[in-house]
Protein backbone atom coordinates (compact mmCIF):
# COMPACT_ATOMS: atom_id res chain seq x y z
CA GLN A 1 -14.59 -8.13 12.10
CA PRO A 2 -12.08 -8.23 9.25
CA GLN A 3 -8.73 -6.58 9.87
CA LEU A 4 -5.84 -5.43 7.73
CA VAL A 5 -2.43 -5.88 9.32
CA GLU A 6 0.36 -3.84 7.80
CA SER A 7 4.08 -4.23 8.20
CA GLY A 8 7.35 -3.20 6.62
CA GLY A 9 7.52 0.55 7.11
CA GLY A 10 10.55 2.31 8.52
CA LEU A 11 13.37 4.72 7.93
CA VAL A 12 15.54 4.41 4.86
CA GLN A 13 18.01 6.60 2.98
CA ALA A 14 17.19 8.01 -0.41
CA GLY A 15 17.78 5.41 -3.09
CA GLY A 16 16.98 2.57 -0.73
CA SER A 17 14.17 0.04 -0.73
CA LEU A 18 11.39 -1.07 1.52
CA ARG A 19 8.67 -3.72 1.18
CA LEU A 20 5.28 -3.19 2.70
CA SER A 21 2.92 -6.08 3.42
CA CYS A 22 -0.78 -6.05 4.17
CA ALA A 23 -2.56 -9.19 5.29
CA ALA A 24 -6.33 -9.30 5.43
CA SER A 25 -7.63 -11.46 8.25
CA GLY A 26 -11.16 -12.43 9.11
CA SER A 27 -13.98 -12.94 6.68
CA ILE A 28 -13.52 -10.72 3.66
CA PHE A 29 -15.36 -11.90 0.59
CA SER A 30 -15.74 -10.65 -2.95
CA ILE A 31 -12.61 -8.54 -2.94
CA ASN A 32 -12.69 -6.16 -5.90
CA ALA A 33 -9.32 -4.59 -5.33
CA MET A 34 -6.47 -4.16 -2.88
CA GLY A 35 -3.76 -1.59 -2.68
CA TRP A 36 -2.15 1.35 -0.94
CA TYR A 37 -2.79 5.02 -0.36
CA ARG A 38 -0.45 7.41 1.36
CA ARG A 39 -0.70 10.70 3.20
CA ALA A 40 2.31 12.94 3.13
CA PRO A 41 3.28 15.21 6.06
CA GLY A 42 1.23 18.39 6.15
CA LYS A 43 -1.38 17.07 3.73
CA GLN A 44 -4.89 16.17 4.73
CA GLN A 45 -5.85 14.00 1.82
CA ARG A 46 -4.57 10.58 1.00
CA GLU A 47 -3.37 9.88 -2.49
CA LEU A 48 -3.56 6.61 -4.32
CA VAL A 49 -0.22 4.86 -4.68
CA ALA A 50 -1.12 1.59 -6.37
CA VAL A 51 -4.06 -0.73 -6.76
CA ILE A 52 -4.51 -4.27 -8.00
CA THR A 53 -7.87 -5.65 -9.06
CA SER A 54 -9.26 -9.11 -8.56
CA GLY A 55 -8.43 -9.76 -12.18
CA GLY A 56 -4.79 -8.93 -11.59
CA SER A 57 -4.66 -5.54 -13.30
CA THR A 58 -2.43 -3.00 -11.57
CA ASN A 59 -2.42 0.76 -11.69
CA TYR A 60 0.19 3.09 -10.27
CA ALA A 61 0.27 6.75 -9.47
CA ASP A 62 2.58 8.62 -11.84
CA PRO A 63 5.13 9.57 -9.14
CA VAL A 64 5.82 5.91 -8.33
CA LYS A 65 5.71 4.32 -11.76
CA GLY A 66 8.84 2.38 -12.51
CA ARG A 67 9.92 2.38 -8.88
CA PHE A 68 7.12 0.64 -7.00
CA THR A 69 5.72 -2.82 -7.69
CA LEU A 70 2.43 -4.10 -6.29
CA SER A 71 1.74 -7.81 -6.04
CA ARG A 72 -0.88 -9.96 -4.46
CA ASP A 73 -1.07 -13.44 -2.94
CA ASN A 74 -4.73 -14.40 -3.37
CA ALA A 75 -4.42 -17.50 -1.25
CA LYS A 76 -3.24 -15.42 1.67
CA ASN A 77 -5.31 -12.33 0.96
CA THR A 78 -2.07 -10.41 1.21
CA VAL A 79 -0.80 -7.56 -0.91
CA TYR A 80 2.82 -6.41 -1.13
CA LEU A 81 4.28 -3.11 -2.19
CA GLN A 82 7.93 -3.26 -3.21
CA MET A 83 9.35 0.25 -3.13
CA ASN A 84 12.69 0.86 -4.80
CA SER A 85 14.70 3.99 -5.50
CA LEU A 86 12.91 5.75 -2.68
CA LYS A 87 12.91 9.52 -2.58
CA PRO A 88 12.36 11.93 0.31
CA GLU A 89 9.04 12.90 -1.27
CA ASP A 90 7.87 9.32 -0.72
CA THR A 91 7.84 10.04 2.99
CA ALA A 92 4.30 9.43 4.19
CA VAL A 93 2.02 7.21 6.19
CA TYR A 94 1.01 4.37 3.92
CA TYR A 95 -2.44 2.85 4.28
CA CYS A 96 -3.52 -0.48 2.93
CA PHE A 97 -7.08 -0.87 1.68
CA VAL A 98 -9.37 -3.62 0.50
CA GLU A 99 -12.38 -2.82 -1.64
CA VAL A 100 -15.44 -5.02 -1.52
CA PRO A 101 -18.91 -4.23 -2.85
CA LEU A 102 -20.27 -1.18 -1.02
CA TYR A 103 -17.41 -0.96 1.49
CA ASP A 104 -13.69 -0.30 1.94
CA TYR A 105 -11.53 -1.72 4.70
CA TRP A 106 -8.46 0.21 5.85
CA GLY A 107 -5.31 -0.62 7.71
CA GLN A 108 -3.99 1.47 10.59
CA GLY A 109 -1.16 2.93 8.53
CA THR A 110 2.58 2.39 8.52
CA GLN A 111 5.16 5.17 8.49
CA VAL A 112 7.71 5.36 5.72
CA THR A 113 10.45 7.95 6.13
CA VAL A 114 13.06 8.54 3.45
CA SER A 115 16.02 10.65 4.48
CA SER A 116 18.05 12.68 2.00
C-alpha cells in the first residue's frame, strides 16, 4: 500500500520560513500531479495550496503566490513546499497529495502554526 510521509511542520513566528517535505513510498505509478492542500482552523474544507504536474508545471493559490515555492524530486517521488514570509493566516494542517489516474493518495497531515 503506497504511503505519503510528511515532515517539516511546526511553530514559527510571522515572517519566518518552513519547508515541508512529502515522500511517496511504495508502488505509485503514473503520477499525474503532486502537491499540498491545507485546512485552516474552524474550516471544514481543504483548500489547494500548490500543485505540480508530471510535466513540471506549477500552480499556486493566490494567497501564497510569491511566498511559497513547490518543487519535486522525481527520482525520489518527493515534493517540497518552501514557505517564506509566513503569516498567521497560513496556520493550518497541510496535507500532501499524489494524483494518479482514478485515485488520489493523501498524507496524514502536518500542522503549521504561525504566531503573530
